[in-house]
Amino acid sequence: AQFGGLHPEQRWQNLIDDIGFRIVENSDAGKAGWRFDFHLLRDPNTVNAFALPGGQVFITYALLEHLQTGGQIAAVLAHEIGHVVARHGAQHLAKEQLTQGLIGAILVASDDAHMTQLAAVVGKLVNLKYSREDEIQADELGVRFMSQAGYDPRAMVEVMDILGSLSSGPRPPEFFSTHPNPENRIQRIQEAIRKQFPEGVPRGLVP
């Protein structure tokens, strides 16, 4: 609800589903045991993407409209899938001792008071700020997952360039409030690509 609910245009949701499930079904992410779902949020102003523990992945329309290729969409989704597989959100929950509150809220979610509690916990998850180490690991996993699914991982560098150009505007992307953007992030992505393809990125991958 904070992001205006789900986007009403089914063709855009279908696009997100097609790319997201292609990544999961054709990469090591599918071996993680999570039931992934992908959601396009209606918000036309907030440039963001995030994932909740267990496999719920979200991207806002405001971010989608800045992405120009299927590969760039795949890069964003693969990165968020990486956070899920690495269990970054769950680890942060455990650190902040919110896990029991989440479980309790789910068990009695029919009660309005506990629905409020659940909403508060989900809100906390949405606004988690990942550490630099988390971010690097999610980038590396994202490169691997999208490559295995047939997408050109260099699209992830393109996404970083797009987000970087948006950050110079009057309203920096909300993405950076939950995803730190260290100066060496593009360099680490390029290193991950070289590790994935030591002989160079092959032809034929989806750009």
C-alpha atoms as a PDB file:
ATOM      1  CA  ALA A   1       0.000   0.000   0.000  1.00  0.00           C
ATOM      2  CA  GLN A   2       2.927   2.364   0.662  1.00  0.00           C
ATOM      3  CA  PHE A   3       3.782   2.056  -3.033  1.00  0.00           C
ATOM      4  CA  GLY A   4       0.244   2.493  -4.377  1.00  0.00           C
ATOM      5  CA  GLY A   5      -0.581  -1.201  -4.568  1.00  0.00           C
ATOM      6  CA  LEU A   6       0.061  -3.468  -7.536  1.00  0.00           C
ATOM      7  CA  HIS A   7       0.322  -1.972 -11.013  1.00  0.00           C
ATOM      8  CA  PRO A   8      -2.958  -2.447 -12.924  1.00  0.00           C
ATOM      9  CA  GLU A   9      -1.341  -3.064 -16.326  1.00  0.00           C
ATOM     10  CA  GLN A  10      -1.149  -6.851 -16.639  1.00  0.00           C
ATOM     11  CA  ARG A  11       1.275  -6.832 -19.570  1.00  0.00           C
ATOM     12  CA  TRP A  12       3.914  -5.137 -17.426  1.00  0.00           C
ATOM     13  CA  GLN A  13       3.312  -7.620 -14.604  1.00  0.00           C
ATOM     14  CA  ASN A  14       3.583 -10.464 -17.119  1.00  0.00           C
ATOM     15  CA  LEU A  15       6.937  -9.093 -18.262  1.00  0.00           C
ATOM     16  CA  ILE A  16       8.234  -9.045 -14.683  1.00  0.00           C
ATOM     17  CA  ASP A  17       6.945 -12.586 -14.121  1.00  0.00           C
ATOM     18  CA  ASP A  18       8.467 -13.895 -17.346  1.00  0.00           C
ATOM     19  CA  ILE A  19      11.913 -12.530 -16.554  1.00  0.00           C
ATOM     20  CA  GLY A  20      11.845 -13.326 -12.845  1.00  0.00           C
ATOM     21  CA  PHE A  21      10.729 -16.927 -13.244  1.00  0.00           C
ATOM     22  CA  ARG A  22      13.141 -17.471 -16.132  1.00  0.00           C
ATOM     23  CA  ILE A  23      15.965 -16.552 -13.760  1.00  0.00           C
ATOM     24  CA  VAL A  24      14.716 -18.801 -10.961  1.00  0.00           C
ATOM     25  CA  GLU A  25      13.960 -21.785 -13.195  1.00  0.00           C
ATOM     26  CA  ASN A  26      17.257 -21.667 -15.096  1.00  0.00           C
ATOM     27  CA  SER A  27      19.761 -20.842 -12.370  1.00  0.00           C
ATOM     28  CA  ASP A  28      21.052 -22.051  -9.037  1.00  0.00           C
ATOM     29  CA  ALA A  29      18.463 -19.784  -7.393  1.00  0.00           C
ATOM     30  CA  GLY A  30      15.870 -22.458  -8.115  1.00  0.00           C
ATOM     31  CA  LYS A  31      17.738 -24.875  -5.854  1.00  0.00           C
ATOM     32  CA  ALA A  32      17.320 -22.628  -2.817  1.00  0.00           C
ATOM     33  CA  GLY A  33      13.885 -24.001  -1.988  1.00  0.00           C
ATOM     34  CA  TRP A  34      12.068 -20.656  -1.849  1.00  0.00           C
ATOM     35  CA  ARG A  35       8.748 -20.032  -3.581  1.00  0.00           C
ATOM     36  CA  PHE A  36       9.494 -16.842  -5.481  1.00  0.00           C
ATOM     37  CA  ASP A  37       6.836 -14.333  -6.511  1.00  0.00           C
ATOM     38  CA  PHE A  38       7.402 -11.095  -8.399  1.00  0.00           C
ATOM     39  CA  HIS A  39       5.328  -7.946  -7.984  1.00  0.00           C
ATOM     40  CA  LEU A  40       5.236  -4.718  -9.980  1.00  0.00           C
ATOM     41  CA  LEU A  41       4.222  -1.840  -7.704  1.00  0.00           C
ATOM     42  CA  ARG A  42       2.197   1.075  -9.038  1.00  0.00           C
ATOM     43  CA  ASP A  43       4.318   3.889  -7.540  1.00  0.00           C
ATOM     44  CA  PRO A  44       5.361   6.227 -10.406  1.00  0.00           C
ATOM     45  CA  ASN A  45       7.735   8.313  -8.298  1.00  0.00           C
ATOM     46  CA  THR A  46       9.754   6.046  -5.997  1.00  0.00           C
ATOM     47  CA  VAL A  47      12.658   4.371  -7.775  1.00  0.00           C
ATOM     48  CA  ASN A  48      13.133   1.194  -5.780  1.00  0.00           C
ATOM     49  CA  ALA A  49      13.240  -2.602  -5.689  1.00  0.00           C
ATOM     50  CA  PHE A  50      13.367  -4.864  -2.662  1.00  0.00           C
ATOM     51  CA  ALA A  51      12.795  -8.427  -1.498  1.00  0.00           C
ATOM     52  CA  LEU A  52      11.271  -9.963   1.609  1.00  0.00           C
ATOM     53  CA  PRO A  53      12.584 -13.158   3.231  1.00  0.00           C
ATOM     54  CA  GLY A  54      11.169 -16.239   1.575  1.00  0.00           C
ATOM     55  CA  GLY A  55      11.055 -15.035  -2.020  1.00  0.00           C
ATOM     56  CA  GLN A  56       8.708 -12.041  -2.435  1.00  0.00           C
ATOM     57  CA  VAL A  57      10.419  -9.642  -4.877  1.00  0.00           C
ATOM     58  CA  PHE A  58       9.118  -6.151  -5.669  1.00  0.00           C
ATOM     59  CA  ILE A  59       9.997  -3.494  -8.227  1.00  0.00           C
ATOM     60  CA  THR A  60       8.338  -0.107  -8.634  1.00  0.00           C
ATOM     61  CA  TYR A  61       7.044   1.202 -11.940  1.00  0.00           C
ATOM     62  CA  ALA A  62       9.186   4.295 -11.355  1.00  0.00           C
ATOM     63  CA  LEU A  63      12.273   2.093 -11.630  1.00  0.00           C
ATOM     64  CA  LEU A  64      10.909  -0.076 -14.438  1.00  0.00           C
ATOM     65  CA  GLU A  65      10.257   2.896 -16.716  1.00  0.00           C
ATOM     66  CA  HIS A  66      13.956   3.830 -16.542  1.00  0.00           C
ATOM     67  CA  LEU A  67      15.076   0.356 -17.629  1.00  0.00           C
ATOM     68  CA  GLN A  68      15.525  -0.034 -21.365  1.00  0.00           C
ATOM     69  CA  THR A  69      16.162  -3.752 -21.925  1.00  0.00           C
ATOM     70  CA  GLY A  70      15.125  -7.159 -20.663  1.00  0.00           C
ATOM     71  CA  GLY A  71      18.669  -7.656 -19.448  1.00  0.00           C
ATOM     72  CA  GLN A  72      18.460  -4.575 -17.238  1.00  0.00           C
ATOM     73  CA  ILE A  73      15.200  -5.800 -15.709  1.00  0.00           C
ATOM     74  CA  ALA A  74      16.816  -9.197 -15.197  1.00  0.00           C
ATOM     75  CA  ALA A  75      19.759  -7.529 -13.446  1.00  0.00           C
ATOM     76  CA  VAL A  76      17.493  -5.827 -10.907  1.00  0.00           C
ATOM     77  CA  LEU A  77      15.448  -8.967 -10.242  1.00  0.00           C
ATOM     78  CA  ALA A  78      18.513 -11.225 -10.082  1.00  0.00           C
ATOM     79  CA  HIS A  79      20.106  -8.889  -7.555  1.00  0.00           C
ATOM     80  CA  GLU A  80      17.013  -9.044  -5.328  1.00  0.00           C
ATOM     81  CA  ILE A  81      16.859 -12.823  -5.776  1.00  0.00           C
ATOM     82  CA  GLY A  82      20.453 -12.835  -4.563  1.00  0.00           C
ATOM     83  CA  HIS A  83      19.407 -11.104  -1.342  1.00  0.00           C
ATOM     84  CA  VAL A  84      16.725 -13.762  -0.789  1.00  0.00           C
ATOM     85  CA  VAL A  85      19.017 -16.716  -1.482  1.00  0.00           C
ATOM     86  CA  ALA A  86      21.703 -15.272   0.804  1.00  0.00           C
ATOM     87  CA  ARG A  87      19.008 -14.705   3.454  1.00  0.00           C
ATOM     88  CA  HIS A  88      20.144 -11.146   4.117  1.00  0.00           C
ATOM     89  CA  GLY A  89      16.700  -9.942   5.185  1.00  0.00           C
ATOM     90  CA  ALA A  90      16.202 -12.882   7.540  1.00  0.00           C
ATOM     91  CA  GLN A  91      19.620 -12.310   9.071  1.00  0.00           C
ATOM     92  CA  HIS A  92      18.798  -8.691   9.773  1.00  0.00           C
ATOM     93  CA  LEU A  93      15.501  -9.728  11.304  1.00  0.00           C
ATOM     94  CA  ALA A  94      17.271 -12.122  13.613  1.00  0.00           C
ATOM     95  CA  LYS A  95      19.761  -9.464  14.610  1.00  0.00           C
ATOM     96  CA  GLU A  96      16.948  -7.111  15.552  1.00  0.00           C
ATOM     97  CA  GLN A  97      14.995  -9.859  17.309  1.00  0.00           C
ATOM     98  CA  LEU A  98      11.895  -9.312  15.189  1.00  0.00           C
ATOM     99  CA  THR A  99      11.510 -12.907  14.077  1.00  0.00           C
ATOM    100  CA  GLN A 100       9.238 -13.982  16.914  1.00  0.00           C
ATOM    101  CA  GLY A 101       7.086 -10.923  16.417  1.00  0.00           C
ATOM    102  CA  LEU A 102       6.686 -11.762  12.717  1.00  0.00           C
ATOM    103  CA  ILE A 103       5.790 -15.376  13.446  1.00  0.00           C
ATOM    104  CA  GLY A 104       3.294 -14.359  16.113  1.00  0.00           C
ATOM    105  CA  ALA A 105       1.700 -11.794  13.856  1.00  0.00           C
ATOM    106  CA  ILE A 106       1.260 -14.314  11.058  1.00  0.00           C
ATOM    107  CA  LEU A 107      -0.262 -16.912  13.374  1.00  0.00           C
ATOM    108  CA  VAL A 108      -2.997 -14.530  14.477  1.00  0.00           C
ATOM    109  CA  ALA A 109      -3.184 -12.333  11.399  1.00  0.00           C
ATOM    110  CA  SER A 110      -6.952 -12.361  11.479  1.00  0.00           C
ATOM    111  CA  ASP A 111      -6.902  -9.989  14.433  1.00  0.00           C
ATOM    112  CA  ASP A 112      -6.732  -6.311  13.470  1.00  0.00           C
ATOM    113  CA  ALA A 113      -4.203  -5.486  16.167  1.00  0.00           C
ATOM    114  CA  HIS A 114      -1.892  -8.208  14.965  1.00  0.00           C
ATOM    115  CA  MET A 115      -2.379  -7.135  11.372  1.00  0.00           C
ATOM    116  CA  THR A 116      -1.045  -3.767  12.465  1.00  0.00           C
ATOM    117  CA  GLN A 117       1.920  -5.524  14.047  1.00  0.00           C
ATOM    118  CA  LEU A 118       2.510  -7.528  10.878  1.00  0.00           C
ATOM    119  CA  ALA A 119       2.347  -4.375   8.769  1.00  0.00           C
ATOM    120  CA  ALA A 120       4.928  -2.736  11.029  1.00  0.00           C
ATOM    121  CA  VAL A 121       7.300  -5.689  10.678  1.00  0.00           C
ATOM    122  CA  VAL A 122       6.898  -5.802   6.895  1.00  0.00           C
ATOM    123  CA  GLY A 123       7.520  -2.055   6.800  1.00  0.00           C
ATOM    124  CA  LYS A 124      10.715  -2.631   8.738  1.00  0.00           C
ATOM    125  CA  LEU A 125      11.788  -5.272   6.236  1.00  0.00           C
ATOM    126  CA  VAL A 126      11.070  -3.022   3.261  1.00  0.00           C
ATOM    127  CA  ASN A 127      13.293  -0.324   4.734  1.00  0.00           C
ATOM    128  CA  LEU A 128      16.190  -2.549   5.774  1.00  0.00           C
ATOM    129  CA  LYS A 129      19.533  -1.075   4.821  1.00  0.00           C
ATOM    130  CA  TYR A 130      21.852  -3.777   3.564  1.00  0.00           C
ATOM    131  CA  SER A 131      25.513  -3.722   4.510  1.00  0.00           C
ATOM    132  CA  ARG A 132      28.245  -3.262   1.921  1.00  0.00           C
ATOM    133  CA  GLU A 133      29.093  -6.959   2.272  1.00  0.00           C
ATOM    134  CA  ASP A 134      25.454  -7.947   1.691  1.00  0.00           C
ATOM    135  CA  GLU A 135      25.315  -5.753  -1.382  1.00  0.00           C
ATOM    136  CA  ILE A 136      28.476  -7.162  -2.907  1.00  0.00           C
ATOM    137  CA  GLN A 137      27.271 -10.724  -2.332  1.00  0.00           C
ATOM    138  CA  ALA A 138      23.868  -9.969  -3.882  1.00  0.00           C
ATOM    139  CA  ASP A 139      25.596  -8.422  -6.906  1.00  0.00           C
ATOM    140  CA  GLU A 140      27.819 -11.495  -7.318  1.00  0.00           C
ATOM    141  CA  LEU A 141      24.873 -13.878  -6.977  1.00  0.00           C
ATOM    142  CA  GLY A 142      22.831 -11.730  -9.332  1.00  0.00           C
ATOM    143  CA  VAL A 143      25.553 -11.887 -11.985  1.00  0.00           C
ATOM    144  CA  ARG A 144      25.644 -15.678 -11.668  1.00  0.00           C
ATOM    145  CA  PHE A 145      21.886 -16.175 -11.698  1.00  0.00           C
ATOM    146  CA  MET A 146      21.142 -13.891 -14.652  1.00  0.00           C
ATOM    147  CA  SER A 147      24.036 -15.360 -16.648  1.00  0.00           C
ATOM    148  CA  GLN A 148      22.817 -18.895 -16.041  1.00  0.00           C
ATOM    149  CA  ALA A 149      19.386 -17.817 -17.297  1.00  0.00           C
ATOM    150  CA  GLY A 150      20.870 -16.479 -20.527  1.00  0.00           C
ATOM    151  CA  TYR A 151      21.038 -12.745 -19.782  1.00  0.00           C
ATOM    152  CA  ASP A 152      24.116 -10.625 -20.405  1.00  0.00           C
ATOM    153  CA  PRO A 153      25.442  -9.702 -16.925  1.00  0.00           C
ATOM    154  CA  ARG A 154      26.914  -6.471 -18.239  1.00  0.00           C
ATOM    155  CA  ALA A 155      23.357  -5.158 -18.030  1.00  0.00           C
ATOM    156  CA  MET A 156      23.891  -4.915 -14.267  1.00  0.00           C
ATOM    157  CA  VAL A 157      26.601  -2.321 -14.869  1.00  0.00           C
ATOM    158  CA  GLU A 158      24.154  -0.447 -17.100  1.00  0.00           C
ATOM    159  CA  VAL A 159      21.615  -0.429 -14.252  1.00  0.00           C
ATOM    160  CA  MET A 160      24.210   1.046 -11.901  1.00  0.00           C
ATOM    161  CA  ASP A 161      24.904   3.776 -14.473  1.00  0.00           C
ATOM    162  CA  ILE A 162      21.173   4.529 -14.765  1.00  0.00           C
ATOM    163  CA  LEU A 163      20.751   4.730 -10.998  1.00  0.00           C
ATOM    164  CA  GLY A 164      23.871   6.862 -10.764  1.00  0.00           C
ATOM    165  CA  SER A 165      22.490   9.336 -13.275  1.00  0.00           C
ATOM    166  CA  LEU A 166      19.216   9.532 -11.339  1.00  0.00           C
ATOM    167  CA  SER A 167      21.055  10.189  -8.082  1.00  0.00           C
ATOM    168  CA  SER A 168      22.233  13.562  -9.389  1.00  0.00           C
ATOM    169  CA  GLY A 169      18.639  14.778  -9.645  1.00  0.00           C
ATOM    170  CA  PRO A 170      16.562  16.609  -7.027  1.00  0.00           C
ATOM    171  CA  ARG A 171      15.299  13.323  -5.579  1.00  0.00           C
ATOM    172  CA  PRO A 172      17.846  10.475  -5.377  1.00  0.00           C
ATOM    173  CA  PRO A 173      16.449   6.952  -5.954  1.00  0.00           C
ATOM    174  CA  GLU A 174      14.941   5.363  -2.860  1.00  0.00           C
ATOM    175  CA  PHE A 175      16.958   2.331  -3.957  1.00  0.00           C
ATOM    176  CA  PHE A 176      20.029   3.947  -2.402  1.00  0.00           C
ATOM    177  CA  SER A 177      18.366   4.287   0.993  1.00  0.00           C
ATOM    178  CA  THR A 178      18.182   0.490   1.312  1.00  0.00           C
ATOM    179  CA  HIS A 179      21.063  -0.478  -0.989  1.00  0.00           C
ATOM    180  CA  PRO A 180      24.393   1.212  -0.232  1.00  0.00           C
ATOM    181  CA  ASN A 181      26.198   2.348  -3.352  1.00  0.00           C
ATOM    182  CA  PRO A 182      29.940   2.221  -2.614  1.00  0.00           C
ATOM    183  CA  GLU A 183      32.158   3.751  -5.281  1.00  0.00           C
ATOM    184  CA  ASN A 184      33.705   0.379  -6.103  1.00  0.00           C
ATOM    185  CA  ARG A 185      30.392  -1.392  -6.751  1.00  0.00           C
ATOM    186  CA  ILE A 186      30.641  -1.328 -10.546  1.00  0.00           C
ATOM    187  CA  GLN A 187      34.218  -2.553 -10.265  1.00  0.00           C
ATOM    188  CA  ARG A 188      33.093  -5.497  -8.103  1.00  0.00           C
ATOM    189  CA  ILE A 189      30.332  -6.347 -10.587  1.00  0.00           C
ATOM    190  CA  GLN A 190      32.875  -6.341 -13.398  1.00  0.00           C
ATOM    191  CA  GLU A 191      35.105  -8.626 -11.340  1.00  0.00           C
ATOM    192  CA  ALA A 192      32.167 -10.995 -10.809  1.00  0.00           C
ATOM    193  CA  ILE A 193      31.526 -11.017 -14.570  1.00  0.00           C
ATOM    194  CA  ARG A 194      35.171 -11.866 -15.276  1.00  0.00           C
ATOM    195  CA  LYS A 195      34.984 -14.663 -12.711  1.00  0.00           C
ATOM    196  CA  GLN A 196      31.814 -16.007 -14.341  1.00  0.00           C
ATOM    197  CA  PHE A 197      33.278 -15.697 -17.849  1.00  0.00           C
ATOM    198  CA  PRO A 198      37.101 -15.750 -17.655  1.00  0.00           C
ATOM    199  CA  GLU A 199      37.309 -16.048 -21.456  1.00  0.00           C
ATOM    200  CA  GLY A 200      34.950 -13.121 -21.962  1.00  0.00           C
ATOM    201  CA  VAL A 201      31.170 -12.810 -22.065  1.00  0.00           C
ATOM    202  CA  PRO A 202      29.929 -15.114 -24.861  1.00  0.00           C
ATOM    203  CA  ARG A 203      27.742 -13.950 -27.704  1.00  0.00           C
ATOM    204  CA  GLY A 204      24.064 -14.746 -27.783  1.00  0.00           C
ATOM    205  CA  LEU A 205      23.097 -13.666 -24.250  1.00  0.00           C
ATOM    206  CA  VAL A 206      20.035 -11.440 -23.920  1.00  0.00           C
ATOM    207  CA  PRO A 207      21.236  -7.835 -23.560  1.00  0.00           C
END
